[in-house]
N, C-alpha and C. Protein backbone atom coordinates (compact mmCIF):
# COMPACT_ATOMS: atom_id res chain seq x y z
N MET A 1 27.54 -0.12 10.53
CA MET A 1 26.51 -0.61 11.22
C MET A 1 26.08 -1.95 11.04
N PHE A 2 25.82 -2.75 11.48
CA PHE A 2 25.04 -4.37 11.73
C PHE A 2 23.91 -4.21 12.04
N LEU A 3 23.55 -5.33 10.40
CA LEU A 3 22.16 -5.45 10.15
C LEU A 3 21.89 -6.98 11.00
N THR A 4 20.78 -6.96 11.71
CA THR A 4 20.47 -8.57 12.58
C THR A 4 19.26 -9.31 11.72
N ALA A 5 19.71 -10.20 11.34
CA ALA A 5 18.68 -10.58 10.45
C ALA A 5 17.37 -11.36 11.79
N ARG A 6 16.30 -11.40 11.44
CA ARG A 6 14.73 -11.49 12.68
C ARG A 6 14.55 -12.80 11.66
N HIS A 7 14.41 -14.08 12.87
CA HIS A 7 13.62 -15.07 12.79
C HIS A 7 12.48 -15.15 13.12
N SER A 8 11.96 -15.63 12.09
CA SER A 8 10.25 -15.86 12.75
C SER A 8 10.21 -17.33 13.18
N VAL A 9 9.59 -17.31 15.01
CA VAL A 9 9.75 -18.76 15.14
C VAL A 9 8.12 -19.22 15.24
N ALA A 10 7.85 -20.44 14.30
CA ALA A 10 6.83 -20.82 14.71
C ALA A 10 6.23 -21.89 15.95
N ASN A 11 5.09 -21.48 16.41
CA ASN A 11 4.64 -22.35 17.26
C ASN A 11 3.68 -22.93 17.06
N PHE A 12 3.69 -24.66 17.44
CA PHE A 12 2.81 -25.17 17.20
C PHE A 12 1.64 -25.86 18.71
N TYR A 13 0.44 -25.73 18.34
CA TYR A 13 -0.61 -26.29 19.34
C TYR A 13 -1.49 -27.05 18.78
N PRO A 14 -2.08 -27.99 19.59
CA PRO A 14 -3.20 -29.06 19.72
C PRO A 14 -4.52 -28.28 20.10
N VAL A 15 -5.26 -28.36 18.55
CA VAL A 15 -6.48 -27.65 19.02
C VAL A 15 -7.76 -28.57 18.20
N GLU A 16 -8.84 -28.30 18.34
CA GLU A 16 -9.82 -28.79 18.20
C GLU A 16 -10.35 -27.76 17.22
N VAL A 17 -10.80 -27.77 15.99
CA VAL A 17 -11.67 -27.30 15.27
C VAL A 17 -13.06 -27.44 14.66
N SER A 18 -14.01 -27.09 14.46
CA SER A 18 -15.74 -27.08 14.27
C SER A 18 -16.07 -26.08 13.57
N GLY A 19 -17.33 -26.80 12.38
CA GLY A 19 -17.36 -25.61 12.35
C GLY A 19 -18.32 -26.30 10.56
N TRP A 20 -18.95 -25.63 9.76
CA TRP A 20 -19.52 -26.67 8.46
C TRP A 20 -18.26 -26.65 7.07
N ASP A 21 -18.23 -27.86 6.69
CA ASP A 21 -17.39 -27.75 5.76
C ASP A 21 -18.10 -26.94 4.40
N ALA A 22 -17.18 -27.33 2.92
CA ALA A 22 -17.83 -26.72 2.02
C ALA A 22 -19.14 -27.48 0.92
N SER A 23 -19.02 -28.64 1.59
CA SER A 23 -20.40 -29.14 1.52
C SER A 23 -21.52 -28.89 2.90
N GLU A 24 -21.16 -27.76 3.85
CA GLU A 24 -22.29 -27.71 4.40
C GLU A 24 -22.66 -28.69 5.41
N LEU A 25 -21.91 -29.54 5.74
CA LEU A 25 -21.77 -30.24 6.64
C LEU A 25 -20.55 -30.14 7.98
N PHE A 26 -21.46 -30.26 9.24
CA PHE A 26 -20.91 -30.08 10.40
C PHE A 26 -19.79 -30.80 10.78
N PHE A 27 -18.47 -30.64 11.15
CA PHE A 27 -17.10 -31.12 11.33
C PHE A 27 -16.55 -30.94 12.54
N VAL A 28 -16.58 -31.36 13.85
CA VAL A 28 -15.31 -31.81 14.39
C VAL A 28 -14.07 -32.45 14.46
N GLU A 29 -12.87 -31.37 14.40
CA GLU A 29 -11.61 -32.24 13.81
C GLU A 29 -10.54 -31.72 14.43
N LYS A 30 -9.85 -32.55 15.10
CA LYS A 30 -8.44 -31.95 15.74
C LYS A 30 -7.58 -32.14 14.98
N SER A 31 -6.53 -31.00 15.15
CA SER A 31 -5.31 -30.38 14.30
C SER A 31 -4.28 -29.84 14.72
N GLU A 32 -3.62 -29.38 14.28
CA GLU A 32 -2.46 -28.49 14.93
C GLU A 32 -2.44 -27.05 14.49
N LEU A 33 -2.34 -25.91 15.76
CA LEU A 33 -2.64 -24.65 15.40
C LEU A 33 -0.93 -24.11 14.88
N GLU A 34 -0.62 -23.71 13.62
CA GLU A 34 0.47 -23.32 13.63
C GLU A 34 0.32 -21.53 14.11
N TRP A 35 1.68 -21.28 14.52
CA TRP A 35 1.34 -18.93 14.90
C TRP A 35 2.77 -19.26 14.92
N GLU A 36 2.72 -18.19 13.72
CA GLU A 36 3.98 -17.54 13.03
C GLU A 36 4.06 -15.83 13.66
N GLU A 37 4.65 -15.31 13.95
CA GLU A 37 4.64 -13.85 14.70
C GLU A 37 4.35 -13.04 13.18
N ASP A 38 5.09 -13.18 11.85
CA ASP A 38 4.59 -12.75 11.24
C ASP A 38 3.50 -13.46 10.00
N ALA A 39 3.04 -14.30 10.07
CA ALA A 39 2.22 -14.56 9.28
C ALA A 39 0.79 -15.40 9.68
N GLY A 40 1.12 -15.26 11.35
CA GLY A 40 0.04 -15.05 11.87
C GLY A 40 -0.62 -16.47 12.24
N LYS A 41 -1.96 -17.31 12.40
CA LYS A 41 -2.30 -18.39 12.84
C LYS A 41 -2.50 -19.37 11.30
N GLN A 42 -2.29 -20.19 10.90
CA GLN A 42 -2.82 -21.44 10.47
C GLN A 42 -3.06 -22.39 10.80
N VAL A 43 -3.88 -23.09 10.08
CA VAL A 43 -4.53 -24.73 10.13
C VAL A 43 -4.84 -25.64 9.44
N VAL A 44 -4.05 -26.72 9.39
CA VAL A 44 -4.44 -27.53 8.04
C VAL A 44 -5.41 -28.27 8.64
N LEU A 45 -6.45 -28.81 7.23
CA LEU A 45 -7.59 -29.94 7.95
C LEU A 45 -8.17 -31.01 6.64
N HIS A 46 -8.66 -31.61 7.13
CA HIS A 46 -8.76 -33.09 6.42
C HIS A 46 -9.90 -32.86 5.48
N ARG A 47 -10.45 -31.86 5.14
CA ARG A 47 -11.54 -31.02 4.41
C ARG A 47 -11.82 -29.81 3.75
N MET A 48 -12.24 -29.56 2.97
CA MET A 48 -12.47 -28.04 2.09
C MET A 48 -13.54 -27.25 3.15
N LEU A 49 -13.46 -26.09 2.94
CA LEU A 49 -13.79 -25.22 3.65
C LEU A 49 -14.21 -23.89 2.46
N ARG A 50 -15.45 -23.52 2.75
CA ARG A 50 -15.58 -22.50 1.64
C ARG A 50 -14.99 -20.86 1.98
N GLU A 51 -14.70 -20.39 0.81
CA GLU A 51 -13.98 -18.94 1.14
C GLU A 51 -14.62 -18.03 2.40
N GLY A 52 -13.57 -18.26 3.38
CA GLY A 52 -14.36 -17.17 4.27
C GLY A 52 -15.13 -17.52 5.18
N ALA A 53 -15.27 -18.87 5.26
CA ALA A 53 -16.11 -19.60 6.34
C ALA A 53 -16.05 -19.71 7.65
N HIS A 54 -16.92 -19.55 8.56
CA HIS A 54 -16.28 -18.83 9.81
C HIS A 54 -16.27 -20.53 11.01
N ILE A 55 -15.29 -20.74 11.17
CA ILE A 55 -15.04 -22.06 12.49
C ILE A 55 -14.77 -21.57 13.91
N PHE A 56 -14.93 -22.52 14.58
CA PHE A 56 -14.19 -22.55 15.81
C PHE A 56 -12.99 -23.45 16.33
N VAL A 57 -12.01 -22.61 16.87
CA VAL A 57 -11.05 -23.32 17.23
C VAL A 57 -10.81 -23.44 18.89
N ARG A 58 -10.52 -24.64 19.38
CA ARG A 58 -10.77 -24.88 20.91
C ARG A 58 -9.18 -25.18 21.48
N LEU A 59 -7.86 -24.59 21.94
CA LEU A 59 -7.17 -25.23 22.54
C LEU A 59 -7.36 -26.36 23.26
N ILE A 60 -6.93 -27.55 22.96
CA ILE A 60 -6.67 -28.35 23.45
C ILE A 60 -5.58 -28.46 24.44
N GLN A 61 -5.69 -27.97 25.82
CA GLN A 61 -4.76 -28.19 27.16
C GLN A 61 -4.59 -29.50 27.90
N SER A 62 -3.86 -29.93 27.38
CA SER A 62 -3.29 -31.31 28.22
C SER A 62 -2.70 -30.90 29.49
N PHE A 63 -2.26 -29.94 29.93
CA PHE A 63 -1.71 -29.54 31.15
C PHE A 63 -2.94 -29.10 32.12
N SER A 64 -4.37 -29.28 31.92
CA SER A 64 -5.28 -28.43 32.41
C SER A 64 -6.62 -29.47 32.23
N SER A 65 -6.93 -29.68 33.57
CA SER A 65 -8.40 -30.27 33.64
C SER A 65 -9.51 -29.41 32.94
N GLU A 66 -9.64 -28.05 32.73
CA GLU A 66 -10.36 -27.24 32.36
C GLU A 66 -10.28 -27.16 31.18
N ARG A 67 -11.49 -27.29 30.26
CA ARG A 67 -11.74 -27.30 28.53
C ARG A 67 -11.66 -25.39 28.59
N SER A 68 -11.03 -24.88 27.29
CA SER A 68 -10.79 -24.00 26.82
C SER A 68 -11.84 -23.51 26.09
N HIS A 69 -12.19 -22.31 25.76
CA HIS A 69 -13.47 -22.07 25.28
C HIS A 69 -13.17 -21.88 23.86
N PRO A 70 -13.97 -22.14 22.87
CA PRO A 70 -13.72 -22.11 21.17
C PRO A 70 -13.73 -20.52 20.93
N VAL A 71 -13.27 -19.91 19.81
CA VAL A 71 -12.59 -18.81 19.42
C VAL A 71 -12.78 -18.87 17.70
N PRO A 72 -14.02 -18.13 17.55
CA PRO A 72 -14.15 -17.79 16.11
C PRO A 72 -12.90 -17.19 15.27
N TYR A 73 -12.87 -17.90 14.12
CA TYR A 73 -11.95 -16.71 13.47
C TYR A 73 -12.89 -17.27 12.17
N LYS A 74 -12.44 -16.21 11.14
CA LYS A 74 -12.92 -16.61 9.34
C LYS A 74 -11.49 -17.12 8.27
N THR A 75 -11.66 -18.05 7.62
CA THR A 75 -10.98 -18.52 7.01
C THR A 75 -10.60 -18.08 5.63
N HIS A 76 -9.40 -17.97 4.81
CA HIS A 76 -8.69 -18.07 3.43
C HIS A 76 -8.21 -19.17 3.61
N TYR A 77 -8.45 -19.66 2.45
CA TYR A 77 -7.88 -20.67 2.11
C TYR A 77 -5.84 -20.35 1.31
N VAL A 78 -5.39 -21.27 1.51
CA VAL A 78 -3.95 -20.84 1.19
C VAL A 78 -3.15 -21.63 0.61
N GLY A 79 -3.37 -22.78 0.61
CA GLY A 79 -2.88 -23.80 -0.07
C GLY A 79 -3.57 -25.67 0.58
N SER A 80 -3.25 -26.38 -0.46
CA SER A 80 -3.27 -27.97 -0.22
C SER A 80 -2.02 -28.33 0.31
N THR A 81 -1.64 -29.34 1.07
CA THR A 81 0.14 -29.87 1.52
C THR A 81 0.19 -30.74 0.49
N ALA A 82 1.34 -31.52 -0.02
CA ALA A 82 1.75 -32.70 -0.08
C ALA A 82 0.86 -33.63 -0.12
N ASP A 83 0.27 -34.21 1.34
CA ASP A 83 -0.53 -35.31 1.39
C ASP A 83 -1.91 -34.82 1.22
N GLY A 84 -2.30 -33.95 0.52
CA GLY A 84 -3.71 -33.71 0.10
C GLY A 84 -5.01 -33.44 1.07
N HIS A 85 -4.16 -32.60 2.49
CA HIS A 85 -4.93 -32.07 3.27
C HIS A 85 -4.78 -30.40 2.97
N TRP A 86 -5.83 -29.56 3.66
CA TRP A 86 -6.14 -27.87 2.91
C TRP A 86 -5.76 -26.97 3.74
N GLN A 87 -4.99 -25.77 3.52
CA GLN A 87 -4.32 -25.58 4.77
C GLN A 87 -5.05 -23.94 4.83
N PHE A 88 -5.76 -23.28 6.15
CA PHE A 88 -6.32 -21.86 5.86
C PHE A 88 -5.45 -20.77 6.97
N ARG A 89 -5.44 -19.85 6.34
CA ARG A 89 -5.19 -18.97 7.31
C ARG A 89 -5.97 -18.69 8.30
N LEU A 90 -6.15 -18.24 9.34
CA LEU A 90 -7.13 -18.24 10.25
C LEU A 90 -7.09 -16.39 10.80
N LEU A 91 -8.66 -15.82 10.34
CA LEU A 91 -8.16 -14.16 10.69
C LEU A 91 -9.36 -14.23 11.59
N PRO A 92 -9.37 -13.30 12.23
CA PRO A 92 -9.97 -13.24 14.10
C PRO A 92 -11.53 -12.35 13.55
N VAL A 93 -12.13 -12.33 14.24
CA VAL A 93 -13.50 -12.26 14.38
C VAL A 93 -13.91 -11.63 15.38
N GLY A 94 -14.64 -10.58 15.15
CA GLY A 94 -14.83 -9.83 16.10
C GLY A 94 -16.69 -9.97 16.18
N PRO A 95 -16.99 -9.14 17.28
CA PRO A 95 -18.41 -8.82 17.22
C PRO A 95 -19.22 -8.30 16.24
N ARG A 96 -20.47 -8.32 15.82
CA ARG A 96 -20.95 -7.74 14.96
C ARG A 96 -21.93 -6.69 15.38
N VAL A 97 -22.00 -5.47 14.79
CA VAL A 97 -22.94 -4.53 15.34
C VAL A 97 -24.02 -4.19 14.92
N GLU A 98 -25.45 -4.54 14.98
CA GLU A 98 -26.51 -4.38 14.20
C GLU A 98 -26.78 -2.99 13.84
N ARG A 99 -27.40 -3.36 12.91
CA ARG A 99 -27.62 -1.44 12.23
C ARG A 99 -27.88 -1.00 13.27
N GLN A 100 -28.82 -1.58 14.18
CA GLN A 100 -30.12 -0.63 15.05
C GLN A 100 -28.84 0.20 16.16
N GLU A 101 -27.88 -0.40 16.34
CA GLU A 101 -26.59 -0.35 17.33
C GLU A 101 -26.01 1.25 16.71
N LEU A 102 -25.82 1.32 15.56
CA LEU A 102 -25.15 2.29 14.62
C LEU A 102 -26.13 3.58 14.63
N ASN A 103 -27.38 3.05 14.70
CA ASN A 103 -27.84 4.48 14.79
C ASN A 103 -28.59 4.80 16.00
N GLY A 104 -27.97 4.53 16.96
CA GLY A 104 -28.03 4.89 18.14
C GLY A 104 -28.89 4.01 19.43
N ALA A 105 -30.05 3.21 18.63
CA ALA A 105 -30.80 2.46 19.77
C ALA A 105 -29.78 1.55 20.02
N SER A 106 -30.36 0.79 21.00
CA SER A 106 -29.45 -0.55 21.48
C SER A 106 -30.00 -1.85 21.08
N GLY A 107 -28.94 -3.06 21.24
CA GLY A 107 -29.55 -4.04 19.95
C GLY A 107 -28.32 -4.92 20.28
N SER A 108 -28.45 -6.08 20.03
CA SER A 108 -27.59 -7.53 20.42
C SER A 108 -26.27 -7.47 19.04
N LYS A 109 -25.47 -8.09 20.32
CA LYS A 109 -24.09 -8.29 19.33
C LYS A 109 -23.76 -9.30 18.78
N ARG A 110 -23.51 -10.13 17.84
CA ARG A 110 -23.46 -11.26 17.38
C ARG A 110 -21.98 -11.41 16.61
N PHE A 111 -21.46 -12.37 16.82
CA PHE A 111 -20.19 -12.71 16.02
C PHE A 111 -20.11 -12.69 14.63
N GLY A 112 -19.36 -12.13 13.53
CA GLY A 112 -19.75 -12.23 11.96
C GLY A 112 -19.05 -11.37 11.72
N ASP A 113 -19.21 -10.67 10.72
CA ASP A 113 -18.19 -9.05 9.88
C ASP A 113 -18.47 -8.24 10.26
N PRO A 114 -17.75 -7.19 10.16
CA PRO A 114 -18.17 -5.94 11.04
C PRO A 114 -19.13 -5.31 10.11
N ASN A 115 -19.73 -6.24 9.20
CA ASN A 115 -21.27 -4.65 8.38
C ASN A 115 -22.32 -5.10 8.72
């Protein structure tokens, strides 16, 4: 029996990240999104974010004249880099269901936690 080693390949994409930092100041920063099949999506920023902060990530498409739409993510602090930047894992954020919808009444959906 032959066992094959599975090598996870990381892909890097230029992105624009926006949101509110740990000091509650709005920021927009260009970065690089690292997307690895096993580890998921990560981004390195020049500022610290609160744990679980919501940010928006927009792919910077150099091959297209159309702007991509920002996608919301929840952040999880991973660590700091050797050069003093902050690394975060990005977790998907889906529409939050209003309590009225849970009871059968119609309501609006917002982005955020499913609670």
